[in-house]
Amino acid sequence: MMKTPSCANCQNQWSWKMTWKKSFTFKQAITCPYCKEKQYITKSARQKLCLMPMIFPLINVPILTFGVDHIYLVISYVICIIGVVIGMPYLFNLSNEDEPLW
C-alpha cells in the first residue's frame, strides 16, 4: 500500500495534504511540522518526481499517431493531471541530509 512520507528525525508520518502543500516550495529544506527539523527530499524521490511530466508526451504519441479526436487528448490530460496531483505525495521520501541529485 502506498504511504505518505515520514520524518526521518521524529518518524511522524505526514498527511497527504501536508505533503502536497510542502511540495510547492522552492527551498531545498522542508521543515517538519511536528519536530520543526529540516528535512530533504531523497535523491531517488527527486528522480521519480522529475519523471512525472514525461507522462504527457507519452500520451500524445498514440493519440496523435492514430488520428484520434482531440477531445480524447484533453480527457487524457485531465486524467493524468488528477493522477499526478493525487499520486505525487506518495513518491516523497525524506532524509535528514541533502543528497546531490546526480
PDB file of N, CA and C in Angstrom:
ATOM      1  N   MET A   1       0.838  -1.175   0.000  1.00  0.00           N
ATOM      2  CA  MET A   1       0.000   0.000   0.000  1.00  0.00           C
ATOM      3  C   MET A   1       0.888   1.246   0.000  1.00  0.00           C
ATOM      4  N   MET A   2       0.452   2.270  -0.671  1.00  0.00           N
ATOM      5  CA  MET A   2       1.229   3.497  -0.784  1.00  0.00           C
ATOM      6  C   MET A   2       1.122   4.281   0.522  1.00  0.00           C
ATOM      7  N   LYS A   3       2.289   4.831   0.942  1.00  0.00           N
ATOM      8  CA  LYS A   3       2.317   5.584   2.185  1.00  0.00           C
ATOM      9  C   LYS A   3       2.892   6.962   1.928  1.00  0.00           C
ATOM     10  N   THR A   4       2.406   7.921   2.672  1.00  0.00           N
ATOM     11  CA  THR A   4       2.984   9.254   2.621  1.00  0.00           C
ATOM     12  C   THR A   4       4.295   9.227   3.402  1.00  0.00           C
ATOM     13  N   PRO A   5       5.156  10.217   3.196  1.00  0.00           N
ATOM     14  CA  PRO A   5       6.469  10.169   3.835  1.00  0.00           C
ATOM     15  C   PRO A   5       6.410  10.348   5.346  1.00  0.00           C
ATOM     16  N   SER A   6       7.440   9.844   5.994  1.00  0.00           N
ATOM     17  CA  SER A   6       7.616  10.029   7.430  1.00  0.00           C
ATOM     18  C   SER A   6       8.870  10.858   7.648  1.00  0.00           C
ATOM     19  N   CYS A   7       8.850  11.680   8.667  1.00  0.00           N
ATOM     20  CA  CYS A   7      10.012  12.491   9.021  1.00  0.00           C
ATOM     21  C   CYS A   7      11.158  11.555   9.400  1.00  0.00           C
ATOM     22  N   ALA A   8      12.335  11.805   8.870  1.00  0.00           N
ATOM     23  CA  ALA A   8      13.497  10.967   9.179  1.00  0.00           C
ATOM     24  C   ALA A   8      13.992  11.211  10.593  1.00  0.00           C
ATOM     25  N   ASN A   9      13.575  12.318  11.192  1.00  0.00           N
ATOM     26  CA  ASN A   9      14.031  12.655  12.533  1.00  0.00           C
ATOM     27  C   ASN A   9      13.080  12.130  13.607  1.00  0.00           C
ATOM     28  N   CYS A  10      11.798  12.507  13.543  1.00  0.00           N
ATOM     29  CA  CYS A  10      10.838  12.127  14.593  1.00  0.00           C
ATOM     30  C   CYS A  10       9.959  10.933  14.213  1.00  0.00           C
ATOM     31  N   GLN A  11      10.034  10.474  12.975  1.00  0.00           N
ATOM     32  CA  GLN A  11       9.294   9.313  12.459  1.00  0.00           C
ATOM     33  C   GLN A  11       7.784   9.515  12.371  1.00  0.00           C
ATOM     34  N   ASN A  12       7.290  10.742  12.530  1.00  0.00           N
ATOM     35  CA  ASN A  12       5.863  11.004  12.358  1.00  0.00           C
ATOM     36  C   ASN A  12       5.521  11.012  10.878  1.00  0.00           C
ATOM     37  N   GLN A  13       4.437  10.330  10.549  1.00  0.00           N
ATOM     38  CA  GLN A  13       4.009  10.258   9.154  1.00  0.00           C
ATOM     39  C   GLN A  13       3.235  11.514   8.798  1.00  0.00           C
ATOM     40  N   TRP A  14       3.589  12.113   7.668  1.00  0.00           N
ATOM     41  CA  TRP A  14       2.930  13.318   7.200  1.00  0.00           C
ATOM     42  C   TRP A  14       1.631  12.936   6.517  1.00  0.00           C
ATOM     43  N   SER A  15       0.648  13.797   6.593  1.00  0.00           N
ATOM     44  CA  SER A  15      -0.616  13.554   5.896  1.00  0.00           C
ATOM     45  C   SER A  15      -0.439  13.867   4.411  1.00  0.00           C
ATOM     46  N   TRP A  16      -1.391  13.386   3.613  1.00  0.00           N
ATOM     47  CA  TRP A  16      -1.335  13.645   2.175  1.00  0.00           C
ATOM     48  C   TRP A  16      -1.383  15.142   1.909  1.00  0.00           C
ATOM     49  N   LYS A  17      -2.314  15.836   2.575  1.00  0.00           N
ATOM     50  CA  LYS A  17      -2.487  17.274   2.368  1.00  0.00           C
ATOM     51  C   LYS A  17      -1.240  18.051   2.772  1.00  0.00           C
ATOM     52  N   MET A  18      -0.647  17.681   3.891  1.00  0.00           N
ATOM     53  CA  MET A  18       0.559  18.354   4.368  1.00  0.00           C
ATOM     54  C   MET A  18       1.717  18.148   3.387  1.00  0.00           C
ATOM     55  N   THR A  19       1.878  16.945   2.895  1.00  0.00           N
ATOM     56  CA  THR A  19       2.944  16.639   1.938  1.00  0.00           C
ATOM     57  C   THR A  19       2.725  17.393   0.640  1.00  0.00           C
ATOM     58  N   TRP A  20       1.493  17.442   0.187  1.00  0.00           N
ATOM     59  CA  TRP A  20       1.180  18.140  -1.054  1.00  0.00           C
ATOM     60  C   TRP A  20       1.483  19.624  -0.929  1.00  0.00           C
ATOM     61  N   LYS A  21       1.104  20.227   0.178  1.00  0.00           N
ATOM     62  CA  LYS A  21       1.366  21.647   0.394  1.00  0.00           C
ATOM     63  C   LYS A  21       2.864  21.927   0.494  1.00  0.00           C
ATOM     64  N   LYS A  22       3.601  21.072   1.173  1.00  0.00           N
ATOM     65  CA  LYS A  22       5.041  21.267   1.355  1.00  0.00           C
ATOM     66  C   LYS A  22       5.808  21.039   0.048  1.00  0.00           C
ATOM     67  N   SER A  23       5.215  20.345  -0.902  1.00  0.00           N
ATOM     68  CA  SER A  23       5.925  20.056  -2.156  1.00  0.00           C
ATOM     69  C   SER A  23       6.054  21.285  -3.048  1.00  0.00           C
ATOM     70  N   PHE A  24       5.261  22.314  -2.805  1.00  0.00           N
ATOM     71  CA  PHE A  24       5.305  23.513  -3.630  1.00  0.00           C
ATOM     72  C   PHE A  24       6.152  24.600  -2.986  1.00  0.00           C
ATOM     73  N   THR A  25       7.365  24.252  -2.648  1.00  0.00           N
ATOM     74  CA  THR A  25       8.300  25.208  -2.093  1.00  0.00           C
ATOM     75  C   THR A  25       9.555  25.241  -2.958  1.00  0.00           C
ATOM     76  N   PHE A  26      10.210  26.363  -2.984  1.00  0.00           N
ATOM     77  CA  PHE A  26      11.435  26.484  -3.766  1.00  0.00           C
ATOM     78  C   PHE A  26      12.673  26.268  -2.914  1.00  0.00           C
ATOM     79  N   LYS A  27      12.482  25.983  -1.645  1.00  0.00           N
ATOM     80  CA  LYS A  27      13.603  25.779  -0.739  1.00  0.00           C
ATOM     81  C   LYS A  27      14.075  24.337  -0.816  1.00  0.00           C
ATOM     82  N   GLN A  28      15.358  24.135  -0.575  1.00  0.00           N
ATOM     83  CA  GLN A  28      15.904  22.777  -0.545  1.00  0.00           C
ATOM     84  C   GLN A  28      15.341  22.013   0.649  1.00  0.00           C
ATOM     85  N   ALA A  29      15.318  22.679   1.802  1.00  0.00           N
ATOM     86  CA  ALA A  29      14.880  22.021   3.030  1.00  0.00           C
ATOM     87  C   ALA A  29      13.396  22.272   3.266  1.00  0.00           C
ATOM     88  N   ILE A  30      12.730  21.244   3.758  1.00  0.00           N
ATOM     89  CA  ILE A  30      11.329  21.338   4.134  1.00  0.00           C
ATOM     90  C   ILE A  30      11.271  21.127   5.638  1.00  0.00           C
ATOM     91  N   THR A  31      10.609  22.004   6.339  1.00  0.00           N
ATOM     92  CA  THR A  31      10.535  21.898   7.790  1.00  0.00           C
ATOM     93  C   THR A  31       9.427  20.934   8.200  1.00  0.00           C
ATOM     94  N   CYS A  32       9.788  20.000   9.062  1.00  0.00           N
ATOM     95  CA  CYS A  32       8.800  19.046   9.569  1.00  0.00           C
ATOM     96  C   CYS A  32       7.817  19.792  10.466  1.00  0.00           C
ATOM     97  N   PRO A  33       6.518  19.599  10.250  1.00  0.00           N
ATOM     98  CA  PRO A  33       5.533  20.308  11.075  1.00  0.00           C
ATOM     99  C   PRO A  33       5.451  19.784  12.507  1.00  0.00           C
ATOM    100  N   TYR A  34       6.018  18.613  12.758  1.00  0.00           N
ATOM    101  CA  TYR A  34       5.952  18.030  14.089  1.00  0.00           C
ATOM    102  C   TYR A  34       7.155  18.406  14.946  1.00  0.00           C
ATOM    103  N   CYS A  35       8.362  18.162  14.437  1.00  0.00           N
ATOM    104  CA  CYS A  35       9.568  18.409  15.237  1.00  0.00           C
ATOM    105  C   CYS A  35      10.314  19.676  14.818  1.00  0.00           C
ATOM    106  N   LYS A  36       9.870  20.313  13.746  1.00  0.00           N
ATOM    107  CA  LYS A  36      10.455  21.564  13.240  1.00  0.00           C
ATOM    108  C   LYS A  36      11.900  21.417  12.762  1.00  0.00           C
ATOM    109  N   GLU A  37      12.320  20.203  12.474  1.00  0.00           N
ATOM    110  CA  GLU A  37      13.654  19.960  11.929  1.00  0.00           C
ATOM    111  C   GLU A  37      13.601  20.019  10.409  1.00  0.00           C
ATOM    112  N   LYS A  38      14.722  20.368   9.800  1.00  0.00           N
ATOM    113  CA  LYS A  38      14.792  20.433   8.341  1.00  0.00           C
ATOM    114  C   LYS A  38      14.856  19.029   7.764  1.00  0.00           C
ATOM    115  N   GLN A  39      14.039  18.805   6.746  1.00  0.00           N
ATOM    116  CA  GLN A  39      14.011  17.535   6.031  1.00  0.00           C
ATOM    117  C   GLN A  39      14.312  17.806   4.563  1.00  0.00           C
ATOM    118  N   TYR A  40      14.902  16.824   3.910  1.00  0.00           N
ATOM    119  CA  TYR A  40      15.260  16.950   2.498  1.00  0.00           C
ATOM    120  C   TYR A  40      14.645  15.792   1.732  1.00  0.00           C
ATOM    121  N   ILE A  41      14.212  16.076   0.519  1.00  0.00           N
ATOM    122  CA  ILE A  41      13.690  15.020  -0.341  1.00  0.00           C
ATOM    123  C   ILE A  41      14.864  14.179  -0.822  1.00  0.00           C
ATOM    124  N   THR A  42      14.739  12.873  -0.749  1.00  0.00           N
ATOM    125  CA  THR A  42      15.846  11.999  -1.126  1.00  0.00           C
ATOM    126  C   THR A  42      16.118  12.057  -2.627  1.00  0.00           C
ATOM    127  N   LYS A  43      17.292  11.617  -2.987  1.00  0.00           N
ATOM    128  CA  LYS A  43      17.709  11.608  -4.394  1.00  0.00           C
ATOM    129  C   LYS A  43      16.756  10.768  -5.243  1.00  0.00           C
ATOM    130  N   SER A  44      16.415   9.580  -4.775  1.00  0.00           N
ATOM    131  CA  SER A  44      15.536   8.700  -5.569  1.00  0.00           C
ATOM    132  C   SER A  44      14.146   9.310  -5.717  1.00  0.00           C
ATOM    133  N   ALA A  45      13.640   9.970  -4.686  1.00  0.00           N
ATOM    134  CA  ALA A  45      12.318  10.604  -4.781  1.00  0.00           C
ATOM    135  C   ALA A  45      12.351  11.762  -5.769  1.00  0.00           C
ATOM    136  N   ARG A  46      13.420  12.560  -5.764  1.00  0.00           N
ATOM    137  CA  ARG A  46      13.516  13.670  -6.715  1.00  0.00           C
ATOM    138  C   ARG A  46      13.588  13.161  -8.148  1.00  0.00           C
ATOM    139  N   GLN A  47      14.288  12.048  -8.358  1.00  0.00           N
ATOM    140  CA  GLN A  47      14.368  11.481  -9.709  1.00  0.00           C
ATOM    141  C   GLN A  47      12.999  10.990 -10.171  1.00  0.00           C
ATOM    142  N   LYS A  48      12.243  10.363  -9.289  1.00  0.00           N
ATOM    143  CA  LYS A  48      10.889   9.910  -9.640  1.00  0.00           C
ATOM    144  C   LYS A  48       9.988  11.099  -9.953  1.00  0.00           C
ATOM    145  N   LEU A  49      10.088  12.147  -9.145  1.00  0.00           N
ATOM    146  CA  LEU A  49       9.256  13.330  -9.353  1.00  0.00           C
ATOM    147  C   LEU A  49       9.604  14.039 -10.656  1.00  0.00           C
ATOM    148  N   CYS A  50      10.870  13.961 -11.066  1.00  0.00           N
ATOM    149  CA  CYS A  50      11.278  14.584 -12.339  1.00  0.00           C
ATOM    150  C   CYS A  50      10.719  13.824 -13.538  1.00  0.00           C
ATOM    151  N   LEU A  51      10.444  12.545 -13.358  1.00  0.00           N
ATOM    152  CA  LEU A  51       9.916  11.730 -14.456  1.00  0.00           C
ATOM    153  C   LEU A  51       8.406  11.893 -14.653  1.00  0.00           C
ATOM    154  N   MET A  52       7.726  12.441 -13.674  1.00  0.00           N
ATOM    155  CA  MET A  52       6.266  12.589 -13.762  1.00  0.00           C
ATOM    156  C   MET A  52       5.820  13.377 -14.998  1.00  0.00           C
ATOM    157  N   PRO A  53       6.455  14.500 -15.363  1.00  0.00           N
ATOM    158  CA  PRO A  53       5.996  15.239 -16.552  1.00  0.00           C
ATOM    159  C   PRO A  53       6.189  14.478 -17.865  1.00  0.00           C
ATOM    160  N   MET A  54       6.964  13.408 -17.865  1.00  0.00           N
ATOM    161  CA  MET A  54       7.189  12.632 -19.079  1.00  0.00           C
ATOM    162  C   MET A  54       5.943  11.865 -19.513  1.00  0.00           C
ATOM    163  N   ILE A  55       4.956  11.779 -18.644  1.00  0.00           N
ATOM    164  CA  ILE A  55       3.716  11.081 -18.969  1.00  0.00           C
ATOM    165  C   ILE A  55       2.994  11.777 -20.125  1.00  0.00           C
ATOM    166  N   PHE A  56       3.014  13.106 -20.125  1.00  0.00           N
ATOM    167  CA  PHE A  56       2.238  13.862 -21.107  1.00  0.00           C
ATOM    168  C   PHE A  56       2.707  13.648 -22.551  1.00  0.00           C
ATOM    169  N   PRO A  57       4.015  13.696 -22.860  1.00  0.00           N
ATOM    170  CA  PRO A  57       4.400  13.391 -24.241  1.00  0.00           C
ATOM    171  C   PRO A  57       4.090  11.945 -24.635  1.00  0.00           C
ATOM    172  N   LEU A  58       4.136  11.033 -23.673  1.00  0.00           N
ATOM    173  CA  LEU A  58       3.821   9.636 -23.978  1.00  0.00           C
ATOM    174  C   LEU A  58       2.349   9.451 -24.331  1.00  0.00           C
ATOM    175  N   ILE A  59       1.501  10.312 -23.819  1.00  0.00           N
ATOM    176  CA  ILE A  59       0.080  10.259 -24.168  1.00  0.00           C
ATOM    177  C   ILE A  59      -0.129  10.760 -25.591  1.00  0.00           C
ATOM    178  N   ASN A  60       0.635  11.770 -25.971  1.00  0.00           N
ATOM    179  CA  ASN A  60       0.478  12.361 -27.305  1.00  0.00           C
ATOM    180  C   ASN A  60       0.740  11.367 -28.432  1.00  0.00           C
ATOM    181  N   VAL A  61       1.732  10.523 -28.268  1.00  0.00           N
ATOM    182  CA  VAL A  61       2.168   9.652 -29.365  1.00  0.00           C
ATOM    183  C   VAL A  61       1.045   8.767 -29.887  1.00  0.00           C
ATOM    184  N   PRO A  62       0.418   7.933 -29.070  1.00  0.00           N
ATOM    185  CA  PRO A  62      -0.626   7.071 -29.652  1.00  0.00           C
ATOM    186  C   PRO A  62      -1.863   7.838 -30.114  1.00  0.00           C
ATOM    187  N   ILE A  63      -2.220   8.873 -29.384  1.00  0.00           N
ATOM    188  CA  ILE A  63      -3.439   9.602 -29.742  1.00  0.00           C
ATOM    189  C   ILE A  63      -3.257  10.360 -31.052  1.00  0.00           C
ATOM    190  N   LEU A  64      -2.135  11.059 -31.196  1.00  0.00           N
ATOM    191  CA  LEU A  64      -1.912  11.832 -32.415  1.00  0.00           C
ATOM    192  C   LEU A  64      -1.492  10.959 -33.594  1.00  0.00           C
ATOM    193  N   THR A  65      -0.822   9.847 -33.335  1.00  0.00           N
ATOM    194  CA  THR A  65      -0.388   8.954 -34.407  1.00  0.00           C
ATOM    195  C   THR A  65      -1.572   8.282 -35.093  1.00  0.00           C
ATOM    196  N   PHE A  66      -2.550   7.868 -34.319  1.00  0.00           N
ATOM    197  CA  PHE A  66      -3.684   7.153 -34.878  1.00  0.00           C
ATOM    198  C   PHE A  66      -4.858   8.052 -35.217  1.00  0.00           C
ATOM    199  N   GLY A  67      -4.660   9.355 -35.123  1.00  0.00           N
ATOM    200  CA  GLY A  67      -5.690  10.297 -35.543  1.00  0.00           C
ATOM    201  C   GLY A  67      -6.932  10.296 -34.681  1.00  0.00           C
ATOM    202  N   VAL A  68      -6.772  10.022 -33.422  1.00  0.00           N
ATOM    203  CA  VAL A  68      -7.907  10.022 -32.503  1.00  0.00           C
ATOM    204  C   VAL A  68      -8.335  11.472 -32.267  1.00  0.00           C
ATOM    205  N   ASP A  69      -9.604  11.674 -32.052  1.00  0.00           N
ATOM    206  CA  ASP A  69     -10.154  13.014 -31.852  1.00  0.00           C
ATOM    207  C   ASP A  69      -9.448  13.704 -30.674  1.00  0.00           C
ATOM    208  N   HIS A  70      -9.254  15.013 -30.787  1.00  0.00           N
ATOM    209  CA  HIS A  70      -8.518  15.779 -29.784  1.00  0.00           C
ATOM    210  C   HIS A  70      -9.232  15.845 -28.436  1.00  0.00           C
ATOM    211  N   ILE A  71     -10.512  15.599 -28.423  1.00  0.00           N
ATOM    212  CA  ILE A  71     -11.226  15.605 -27.147  1.00  0.00           C
ATOM    213  C   ILE A  71     -10.690  14.505 -26.236  1.00  0.00           C
ATOM    214  N   TYR A  72     -10.273  13.390 -26.827  1.00  0.00           N
ATOM    215  CA  TYR A  72      -9.703  12.303 -26.039  1.00  0.00           C
ATOM    216  C   TYR A  72      -8.339  12.680 -25.481  1.00  0.00           C
ATOM    217  N   LEU A  73      -7.604  13.504 -26.216  1.00  0.00           N
ATOM    218  CA  LEU A  73      -6.324  14.009 -25.722  1.00  0.00           C
ATOM    219  C   LEU A  73      -6.554  14.901 -24.499  1.00  0.00           C
ATOM    220  N   VAL A  74      -7.540  15.759 -24.573  1.00  0.00           N
ATOM    221  CA  VAL A  74      -7.862  16.640 -23.446  1.00  0.00           C
ATOM    222  C   VAL A  74      -8.319  15.814 -22.240  1.00  0.00           C
ATOM    223  N   ILE A  75      -9.165  14.836 -22.497  1.00  0.00           N
ATOM    224  CA  ILE A  75      -9.634  13.963 -21.411  1.00  0.00           C
ATOM    225  C   ILE A  75      -8.454  13.213 -20.789  1.00  0.00           C
ATOM    226  N   SER A  76      -7.541  12.722 -21.605  1.00  0.00           N
ATOM    227  CA  SER A  76      -6.363  12.022 -21.102  1.00  0.00           C
ATOM    228  C   SER A  76      -5.489  12.942 -20.260  1.00  0.00           C
ATOM    229  N   TYR A  77      -5.319  14.191 -20.699  1.00  0.00           N
ATOM    230  CA  TYR A  77      -4.539  15.161 -19.930  1.00  0.00           C
ATOM    231  C   TYR A  77      -5.175  15.430 -18.572  1.00  0.00           C
ATOM    232  N   VAL A  78      -6.479  15.599 -18.564  1.00  0.00           N
ATOM    233  CA  VAL A  78      -7.172  15.868 -17.300  1.00  0.00           C
ATOM    234  C   VAL A  78      -7.006  14.688 -16.343  1.00  0.00           C
ATOM    235  N   ILE A  79      -7.146  13.473 -16.849  1.00  0.00           N
ATOM    236  CA  ILE A  79      -6.978  12.280 -16.021  1.00  0.00           C
ATOM    237  C   ILE A  79      -5.545  12.196 -15.497  1.00  0.00           C
ATOM    238  N   CYS A  80      -4.566  12.500 -16.346  1.00  0.00           N
ATOM    239  CA  CYS A  80      -3.172  12.457 -15.917  1.00  0.00           C
ATOM    240  C   CYS A  80      -2.864  13.520 -14.878  1.00  0.00           C
ATOM    241  N   ILE A  81      -3.386  14.717 -15.070  1.00  0.00           N
ATOM    242  CA  ILE A  81      -3.153  15.784 -14.090  1.00  0.00           C
ATOM    243  C   ILE A  81      -3.739  15.394 -12.735  1.00  0.00           C
ATOM    244  N   ILE A  82      -4.932  14.849 -12.743  1.00  0.00           N
ATOM    245  CA  ILE A  82      -5.546  14.398 -11.493  1.00  0.00           C
ATOM    246  C   ILE A  82      -4.708  13.285 -10.867  1.00  0.00           C
ATOM    247  N   GLY A  83      -4.230  12.352 -11.687  1.00  0.00           N
ATOM    248  CA  GLY A  83      -3.387  11.272 -11.185  1.00  0.00           C
ATOM    249  C   GLY A  83      -2.079  11.773 -10.601  1.00  0.00           C
ATOM    250  N   VAL A  84      -1.465  12.751 -11.252  1.00  0.00           N
ATOM    251  CA  VAL A  84      -0.207  13.318 -10.756  1.00  0.00           C
ATOM    252  C   VAL A  84      -0.439  14.036  -9.433  1.00  0.00           C
ATOM    253  N   VAL A  85      -1.501  14.822  -9.362  1.00  0.00           N
ATOM    254  CA  VAL A  85      -1.800  15.569  -8.138  1.00  0.00           C
ATOM    255  C   VAL A  85      -2.077  14.612  -6.976  1.00  0.00           C
ATOM    256  N   ILE A  86      -2.806  13.554  -7.235  1.00  0.00           N
ATOM    257  CA  ILE A  86      -3.135  12.599  -6.177  1.00  0.00           C
ATOM    258  C   ILE A  86      -1.916  11.749  -5.801  1.00  0.00           C
ATOM    259  N   GLY A  87      -1.135  11.338  -6.799  1.00  0.00           N
ATOM    260  CA  GLY A  87      -0.033  10.408  -6.536  1.00  0.00           C
ATOM    261  C   GLY A  87       1.275  11.022  -6.104  1.00  0.00           C
ATOM    262  N   MET A  88       1.469  12.305  -6.367  1.00  0.00           N
ATOM    263  CA  MET A  88       2.755  12.939  -6.078  1.00  0.00           C
ATOM    264  C   MET A  88       3.187  12.811  -4.611  1.00  0.00           C
ATOM    265  N   PRO A  89       2.338  13.057  -3.625  1.00  0.00           N
ATOM    266  CA  PRO A  89       2.797  12.944  -2.240  1.00  0.00           C
ATOM    267  C   PRO A  89       3.264  11.544  -1.839  1.00  0.00           C
ATOM    268  N   TYR A  90       2.818  10.526  -2.555  1.00  0.00           N
ATOM    269  CA  TYR A  90       3.234   9.169  -2.223  1.00  0.00           C
ATOM    270  C   TYR A  90       4.633   8.842  -2.743  1.00  0.00           C
ATOM    271  N   LEU A  91       5.187   9.683  -3.603  1.00  0.00           N
ATOM    272  CA  LEU A  91       6.526   9.455  -4.136  1.00  0.00           C
ATOM    273  C   LEU A  91       7.618  10.066  -3.262  1.00  0.00           C
ATOM    274  N   PHE A  92       7.230  10.880  -2.295  1.00  0.00           N
ATOM    275  CA  PHE A  92       8.200  11.554  -1.444  1.00  0.00           C
ATOM    276  C   PHE A  92       8.815  10.595  -0.434  1.00  0.00           C
ATOM    277  N   ASN A  93      10.117  10.740  -0.238  1.00  0.00           N
ATOM    278  CA  ASN A  93      10.853  10.117   0.854  1.00  0.00           C
ATOM    279  C   ASN A  93      11.715  11.213   1.447  1.00  0.00           C
ATOM    280  N   LEU A  94      11.862  11.220   2.750  1.00  0.00           N
ATOM    281  CA  LEU A  94      12.591  12.294   3.410  1.00  0.00           C
ATOM    282  C   LEU A  94      13.834  11.768   4.107  1.00  0.00           C
ATOM    283  N   SER A  95      14.842  12.637   4.188  1.00  0.00           N
ATOM    284  CA  SER A  95      16.057  12.308   4.934  1.00  0.00           C
ATOM    285  C   SER A  95      16.525  13.548   5.684  1.00  0.00           C
ATOM    286  N   ASN A  96      17.444  13.340   6.618  1.00  0.00           N
ATOM    287  CA  ASN A  96      17.990  14.448   7.406  1.00  0.00           C
ATOM    288  C   ASN A  96      19.104  15.186   6.656  1.00  0.00           C
ATOM    289  N   GLU A  97      19.627  14.590   5.592  1.00  0.00           N
ATOM    290  CA  GLU A  97      20.756  15.164   4.861  1.00  0.00           C
ATOM    291  C   GLU A  97      20.376  15.413   3.417  1.00  0.00           C
ATOM    292  N   ASP A  98      20.921  16.494   2.873  1.00  0.00           N
ATOM    293  CA  ASP A  98      20.688  16.816   1.472  1.00  0.00           C
ATOM    294  C   ASP A  98      21.620  15.971   0.609  1.00  0.00           C
ATOM    295  N   GLU A  99      21.073  15.285  -0.362  1.00  0.00           N
ATOM    296  CA  GLU A  99      21.865  14.432  -1.259  1.00  0.00           C
ATOM    297  C   GLU A  99      21.966  15.122  -2.627  1.00  0.00           C
ATOM    298  N   PRO A 100      23.120  15.047  -3.280  1.00  0.00           N
ATOM    299  CA  PRO A 100      23.204  15.602  -4.646  1.00  0.00           C
ATOM    300  C   PRO A 100      22.321  14.788  -5.594  1.00  0.00           C
ATOM    301  N   LEU A 101      21.752  15.461  -6.581  1.00  0.00           N
ATOM    302  CA  LEU A 101      20.820  14.788  -7.488  1.00  0.00           C
ATOM    303  C   LEU A 101      21.503  13.733  -8.342  1.00  0.00           C
ATOM    304  N   TRP A 102      22.694  14.004  -8.820  1.00  0.00           N
ATOM    305  CA  TRP A 102      23.397  13.044  -9.692  1.00  0.00           C
ATOM    306  C   TRP A 102      24.622  12.550  -9.063  1.00  0.00           C
TER     307      TRP A 102
END
